[in-house]
Amino acid sequence: YFGTLAVTRAFAPQLAVAEGGGAVLNV
């Protein structure tokens, strides 16, 4: 839970500027 949240928050700014907005896959 907290690990997935922390990593997603850390990378969200990079995804935001990706063409098309990028994607996240949660296992």
PDB file of all heavy atoms in Angstrom:
ATOM      1  N   TYR A   1       0.820  -1.216   0.000  1.00  0.00           N
ATOM      2  CA  TYR A   1       0.000   0.000   0.000  1.00  0.00           C
ATOM      3  C   TYR A   1       0.852   1.265   0.000  1.00  0.00           C
ATOM      4  O   TYR A   1       0.878   2.010  -0.982  1.00  0.00           O
ATOM      5  CB  TYR A   1      -0.956   0.005   1.192  1.00  0.00           C
ATOM      6  CG  TYR A   1      -1.803   1.264   1.248  1.00  0.00           C
ATOM      7  CD1 TYR A   1      -2.920   1.409   0.425  1.00  0.00           C
ATOM      8  CD2 TYR A   1      -1.465   2.327   2.085  1.00  0.00           C
ATOM      9  CE1 TYR A   1      -3.678   2.572   0.443  1.00  0.00           C
ATOM     10  CE2 TYR A   1      -2.220   3.492   2.112  1.00  0.00           C
ATOM     11  CZ  TYR A   1      -3.325   3.604   1.292  1.00  0.00           C
ATOM     12  OH  TYR A   1      -4.069   4.761   1.309  1.00  0.00           O
ATOM     13  N   PHE A   2       1.571   1.492   1.087  1.00  0.00           N
ATOM     14  CA  PHE A   2       2.336   2.732   1.179  1.00  0.00           C
ATOM     15  C   PHE A   2       3.457   2.783   0.139  1.00  0.00           C
ATOM     16  O   PHE A   2       3.761   3.859  -0.394  1.00  0.00           O
ATOM     17  CB  PHE A   2       2.896   2.908   2.590  1.00  0.00           C
ATOM     18  CG  PHE A   2       1.853   3.230   3.618  1.00  0.00           C
ATOM     19  CD1 PHE A   2       1.487   2.289   4.566  1.00  0.00           C
ATOM     20  CD2 PHE A   2       1.213   4.459   3.627  1.00  0.00           C
ATOM     21  CE1 PHE A   2       0.508   2.573   5.519  1.00  0.00           C
ATOM     22  CE2 PHE A   2       0.238   4.757   4.564  1.00  0.00           C
ATOM     23  CZ  PHE A   2      -0.119   3.812   5.514  1.00  0.00           C
ATOM     24  N   GLY A   3       4.062   1.637  -0.162  1.00  0.00           N
ATOM     25  CA  GLY A   3       5.104   1.619  -1.179  1.00  0.00           C
ATOM     26  C   GLY A   3       4.561   1.987  -2.549  1.00  0.00           C
ATOM     27  O   GLY A   3       5.150   2.802  -3.265  1.00  0.00           O
ATOM     28  N   THR A   4       3.438   1.381  -2.917  1.00  0.00           N
ATOM     29  CA  THR A   4       2.807   1.711  -4.205  1.00  0.00           C
ATOM     30  C   THR A   4       2.429   3.189  -4.262  1.00  0.00           C
ATOM     31  O   THR A   4       2.634   3.861  -5.283  1.00  0.00           O
ATOM     32  CB  THR A   4       1.556   0.837  -4.414  1.00  0.00           C
ATOM     33  OG1 THR A   4       1.961  -0.530  -4.521  1.00  0.00           O
ATOM     34  CG2 THR A   4       0.808   1.238  -5.674  1.00  0.00           C
ATOM     35  N   LEU A   5       1.893   3.705  -3.165  1.00  0.00           N
ATOM     36  CA  LEU A   5       1.511   5.116  -3.117  1.00  0.00           C
ATOM     37  C   LEU A   5       2.730   6.019  -3.257  1.00  0.00           C
ATOM     38  O   LEU A   5       2.733   6.972  -4.039  1.00  0.00           O
ATOM     39  CB  LEU A   5       0.774   5.407  -1.815  1.00  0.00           C
ATOM     40  CG  LEU A   5       0.387   6.869  -1.572  1.00  0.00           C
ATOM     41  CD1 LEU A   5      -0.492   7.409  -2.698  1.00  0.00           C
ATOM     42  CD2 LEU A   5      -0.308   7.010  -0.221  1.00  0.00           C
ATOM     43  N   ALA A   6       3.790   5.721  -2.505  1.00  0.00           N
ATOM     44  CA  ALA A   6       4.984   6.569  -2.523  1.00  0.00           C
ATOM     45  C   ALA A   6       5.628   6.597  -3.905  1.00  0.00           C
ATOM     46  O   ALA A   6       6.016   7.662  -4.405  1.00  0.00           O
ATOM     47  CB  ALA A   6       5.985   6.078  -1.479  1.00  0.00           C
ATOM     48  N   VAL A   7       5.742   5.434  -4.536  1.00  0.00           N
ATOM     49  CA  VAL A   7       6.375   5.371  -5.847  1.00  0.00           C
ATOM     50  C   VAL A   7       5.532   6.103  -6.889  1.00  0.00           C
ATOM     51  O   VAL A   7       6.049   6.848  -7.727  1.00  0.00           O
ATOM     52  CB  VAL A   7       6.627   3.908  -6.265  1.00  0.00           C
ATOM     53  CG1 VAL A   7       7.145   3.824  -7.688  1.00  0.00           C
ATOM     54  CG2 VAL A   7       7.619   3.245  -5.310  1.00  0.00           C
ATOM     55  N   THR A   8       4.219   5.913  -6.840  1.00  0.00           N
ATOM     56  CA  THR A   8       3.351   6.588  -7.804  1.00  0.00           C
ATOM     57  C   THR A   8       3.408   8.101  -7.638  1.00  0.00           C
ATOM     58  O   THR A   8       3.483   8.848  -8.627  1.00  0.00           O
ATOM     59  CB  THR A   8       1.898   6.085  -7.664  1.00  0.00           C
ATOM     60  OG1 THR A   8       1.878   4.664  -7.786  1.00  0.00           O
ATOM     61  CG2 THR A   8       1.012   6.699  -8.743  1.00  0.00           C
ATOM     62  N   ARG A   9       3.403   8.571  -6.404  1.00  0.00           N
ATOM     63  CA  ARG A   9       3.505  10.010  -6.169  1.00  0.00           C
ATOM     64  C   ARG A   9       4.835  10.560  -6.693  1.00  0.00           C
ATOM     65  O   ARG A   9       4.882  11.665  -7.256  1.00  0.00           O
ATOM     66  CB  ARG A   9       3.352  10.320  -4.681  1.00  0.00           C
ATOM     67  CG  ARG A   9       1.933  10.127  -4.169  1.00  0.00           C
ATOM     68  CD  ARG A   9       1.820  10.242  -2.667  1.00  0.00           C
ATOM     69  NE  ARG A   9       2.175  11.558  -2.180  1.00  0.00           N
ATOM     70  CZ  ARG A   9       1.560  12.151  -1.156  1.00  0.00           C
ATOM     71  NH1 ARG A   9       0.545  11.542  -0.527  1.00  0.00           N
ATOM     72  NH2 ARG A   9       1.939  13.337  -0.754  1.00  0.00           N
ATOM     73  N   ALA A  10       5.898   9.784  -6.520  1.00  0.00           N
ATOM     74  CA  ALA A  10       7.218  10.249  -6.950  1.00  0.00           C
ATOM     75  C   ALA A  10       7.327  10.353  -8.469  1.00  0.00           C
ATOM     76  O   ALA A  10       8.008  11.247  -8.994  1.00  0.00           O
ATOM     77  CB  ALA A  10       8.297   9.315  -6.404  1.00  0.00           C
ATOM     78  N   PHE A  11       6.661   9.429  -9.182  1.00  0.00           N
ATOM     79  CA  PHE A  11       6.781   9.398 -10.640  1.00  0.00           C
ATOM     80  C   PHE A  11       5.647  10.124 -11.363  1.00  0.00           C
ATOM     81  O   PHE A  11       5.727  10.335 -12.575  1.00  0.00           O
ATOM     82  CB  PHE A  11       6.862   7.952 -11.123  1.00  0.00           C
ATOM     83  CG  PHE A  11       8.235   7.353 -10.979  1.00  0.00           C
ATOM     84  CD1 PHE A  11       8.580   6.652  -9.824  1.00  0.00           C
ATOM     85  CD2 PHE A  11       9.183   7.497 -11.984  1.00  0.00           C
ATOM     86  CE1 PHE A  11       9.847   6.112  -9.676  1.00  0.00           C
ATOM     87  CE2 PHE A  11      10.452   6.955 -11.847  1.00  0.00           C
ATOM     88  CZ  PHE A  11      10.795   6.265 -10.686  1.00  0.00           C
ATOM     89  N   ALA A  12       4.598  10.504 -10.650  1.00  0.00           N
ATOM     90  CA  ALA A  12       3.454  11.159 -11.293  1.00  0.00           C
ATOM     91  C   ALA A  12       3.842  12.396 -12.094  1.00  0.00           C
ATOM     92  O   ALA A  12       3.309  12.616 -13.195  1.00  0.00           O
ATOM     93  CB  ALA A  12       2.382  11.496 -10.253  1.00  0.00           C
ATOM     94  N   PRO A  13       4.758  13.251 -11.611  1.00  0.00           N
ATOM     95  CA  PRO A  13       5.127  14.416 -12.418  1.00  0.00           C
ATOM     96  C   PRO A  13       5.743  14.044 -13.763  1.00  0.00           C
ATOM     97  O   PRO A  13       5.514  14.735 -14.766  1.00  0.00           O
ATOM     98  CB  PRO A  13       6.135  15.154 -11.525  1.00  0.00           C
ATOM     99  CG  PRO A  13       5.761  14.753 -10.133  1.00  0.00           C
ATOM    100  CD  PRO A  13       5.358  13.309 -10.254  1.00  0.00           C
ATOM    101  N   GLN A  14       6.534  12.969 -13.806  1.00  0.00           N
ATOM    102  CA  GLN A  14       7.096  12.533 -15.079  1.00  0.00           C
ATOM    103  C   GLN A  14       5.993  12.030 -16.012  1.00  0.00           C
ATOM    104  O   GLN A  14       5.999  12.318 -17.215  1.00  0.00           O
ATOM    105  CB  GLN A  14       8.130  11.425 -14.867  1.00  0.00           C
ATOM    106  CG  GLN A  14       9.376  11.863 -14.109  1.00  0.00           C
ATOM    107  CD  GLN A  14      10.461  10.800 -14.118  1.00  0.00           C
ATOM    108  OE1 GLN A  14      10.762  10.213 -15.153  1.00  0.00           O
ATOM    109  NE2 GLN A  14      11.056  10.561 -12.960  1.00  0.00           N
ATOM    110  N   LEU A  15       5.051  11.284 -15.461  1.00  0.00           N
ATOM    111  CA  LEU A  15       3.954  10.781 -16.281  1.00  0.00           C
ATOM    112  C   LEU A  15       3.101  11.922 -16.813  1.00  0.00           C
ATOM    113  O   LEU A  15       2.581  11.846 -17.928  1.00  0.00           O
ATOM    114  CB  LEU A  15       3.097   9.813 -15.459  1.00  0.00           C
ATOM    115  CG  LEU A  15       3.812   8.564 -14.927  1.00  0.00           C
ATOM    116  CD1 LEU A  15       2.881   7.794 -13.990  1.00  0.00           C
ATOM    117  CD2 LEU A  15       4.269   7.670 -16.068  1.00  0.00           C
ATOM    118  N   ALA A  16       2.971  12.975 -16.033  1.00  0.00           N
ATOM    119  CA  ALA A  16       2.124  14.097 -16.426  1.00  0.00           C
ATOM    120  C   ALA A  16       2.607  14.772 -17.707  1.00  0.00           C
ATOM    121  O   ALA A  16       1.806  15.285 -18.488  1.00  0.00           O
ATOM    122  CB  ALA A  16       2.046  15.130 -15.298  1.00  0.00           C
ATOM    123  N   VAL A  17       3.928  14.771 -17.909  1.00  0.00           N
ATOM    124  CA  VAL A  17       4.467  15.456 -19.086  1.00  0.00           C
ATOM    125  C   VAL A  17       4.704  14.490 -20.244  1.00  0.00           C
ATOM    126  O   VAL A  17       5.116  14.907 -21.325  1.00  0.00           O
ATOM    127  CB  VAL A  17       5.780  16.192 -18.751  1.00  0.00           C
ATOM    128  CG1 VAL A  17       5.531  17.246 -17.690  1.00  0.00           C
ATOM    129  CG2 VAL A  17       6.874  15.227 -18.308  1.00  0.00           C
ATOM    130  N   ALA A  18       4.422  13.208 -20.025  1.00  0.00           N
ATOM    131  CA  ALA A  18       4.579  12.225 -21.096  1.00  0.00           C
ATOM    132  C   ALA A  18       3.509  12.441 -22.153  1.00  0.00           C
ATOM    133  O   ALA A  18       2.386  12.843 -21.855  1.00  0.00           O
ATOM    134  CB  ALA A  18       4.471  10.808 -20.535  1.00  0.00           C
ATOM    135  N   GLU A  19       3.857  12.166 -23.387  1.00  0.00           N
ATOM    136  CA  GLU A  19       2.875  12.271 -24.461  1.00  0.00           C
ATOM    137  C   GLU A  19       1.713  11.319 -24.178  1.00  0.00           C
ATOM    138  O   GLU A  19       1.908  10.131 -23.948  1.00  0.00           O
ATOM    139  CB  GLU A  19       3.513  11.924 -25.804  1.00  0.00           C
ATOM    140  CG  GLU A  19       2.573  12.086 -26.984  1.00  0.00           C
ATOM    141  CD  GLU A  19       3.227  11.799 -28.316  1.00  0.00           C
ATOM    142  OE1 GLU A  19       4.453  11.562 -28.335  1.00  0.00           O
ATOM    143  OE2 GLU A  19       2.511  11.789 -29.329  1.00  0.00           O
ATOM    144  N   GLY A  20       0.512  11.842 -24.164  1.00  0.00           N
ATOM    145  CA  GLY A  20      -0.657  11.022 -23.865  1.00  0.00           C
ATOM    146  C   GLY A  20      -0.894  10.805 -22.389  1.00  0.00           C
ATOM    147  O   GLY A  20      -1.883  10.188 -22.004  1.00  0.00           O
ATOM    148  N   GLY A  21       0.010  11.278 -21.531  1.00  0.00           N
ATOM    149  CA  GLY A  21      -0.182  11.164 -20.087  1.00  0.00           C
ATOM    150  C   GLY A  21       0.415   9.937 -19.443  1.00  0.00           C
ATOM    151  O   GLY A  21       0.401   9.803 -18.221  1.00  0.00           O
ATOM    152  N   GLY A  22       0.940   9.001 -20.259  1.00  0.00           N
ATOM    153  CA  GLY A  22       1.580   7.827 -19.687  1.00  0.00           C
ATOM    154  C   GLY A  22       0.602   6.871 -19.027  1.00  0.00           C
ATOM    155  O   GLY A  22      -0.620   7.006 -19.151  1.00  0.00           O
ATOM    156  N   ALA A  23       1.167   5.896 -18.306  1.00  0.00           N
ATOM    157  CA  ALA A  23       0.327   4.854 -17.708  1.00  0.00           C
ATOM    158  C   ALA A  23       0.992   4.277 -16.467  1.00  0.00           C
ATOM    159  O   ALA A  23       2.212   4.362 -16.286  1.00  0.00           O
ATOM    160  CB  ALA A  23       0.071   3.730 -18.717  1.00  0.00           C
ATOM    161  N   VAL A  24       0.159   3.677 -15.620  1.00  0.00           N
ATOM    162  CA  VAL A  24       0.604   2.966 -14.419  1.00  0.00           C
ATOM    163  C   VAL A  24      -0.003   1.567 -14.464  1.00  0.00           C
ATOM    164  O   VAL A  24      -1.189   1.406 -14.769  1.00  0.00           O
ATOM    165  CB  VAL A  24       0.144   3.683 -13.130  1.00  0.00           C
ATOM    166  CG1 VAL A  24       0.543   2.879 -11.890  1.00  0.00           C
ATOM    167  CG2 VAL A  24       0.724   5.096 -13.069  1.00  0.00           C
ATOM    168  N   LEU A  25       0.814   0.568 -14.152  1.00  0.00           N
ATOM    169  CA  LEU A  25       0.337  -0.804 -13.974  1.00  0.00           C
ATOM    170  C   LEU A  25       0.595  -1.212 -12.533  1.00  0.00           C
ATOM    171  O   LEU A  25       1.747  -1.236 -12.092  1.00  0.00           O
ATOM    172  CB  LEU A  25       1.056  -1.763 -14.924  1.00  0.00           C
ATOM    173  CG  LEU A  25       0.805  -3.265 -14.692  1.00  0.00           C
ATOM    174  CD1 LEU A  25      -0.663  -3.618 -14.941  1.00  0.00           C
ATOM    175  CD2 LEU A  25       1.716  -4.115 -15.580  1.00  0.00           C
ATOM    176  N   ASN A  26      -0.464  -1.507 -11.799  1.00  0.00           N
ATOM    177  CA  ASN A  26      -0.337  -1.995 -10.426  1.00  0.00           C
ATOM    178  C   ASN A  26      -0.579  -3.496 -10.403  1.00  0.00           C
ATOM    179  O   ASN A  26      -1.643  -3.966 -10.832  1.00  0.00           O
ATOM    180  CB  ASN A  26      -1.334  -1.303  -9.499  1.00  0.00           C
ATOM    181  CG  ASN A  26      -0.912   0.116  -9.162  1.00  0.00           C
ATOM    182  OD1 ASN A  26       0.231   0.512  -9.410  1.00  0.00           O
ATOM    183  ND2 ASN A  26      -1.823   0.889  -8.591  1.00  0.00           N
ATOM    184  N   VAL A  27       0.411  -4.234  -9.902  1.00  0.00           N
ATOM    185  CA  VAL A  27       0.297  -5.687  -9.805  1.00  0.00           C
ATOM    186  C   VAL A  27      -0.423  -6.021  -8.506  1.00  0.00           C
ATOM    187  O   VAL A  27       0.139  -5.892  -7.413  1.00  0.00           O
ATOM    188  CB  VAL A  27       1.675  -6.354  -9.865  1.00  0.00           C
ATOM    189  CG1 VAL A  27       1.541  -7.870  -9.711  1.00  0.00           C
ATOM    190  CG2 VAL A  27       2.373  -6.011 -11.186  1.00  0.00           C
TER     191      VAL A  27
END
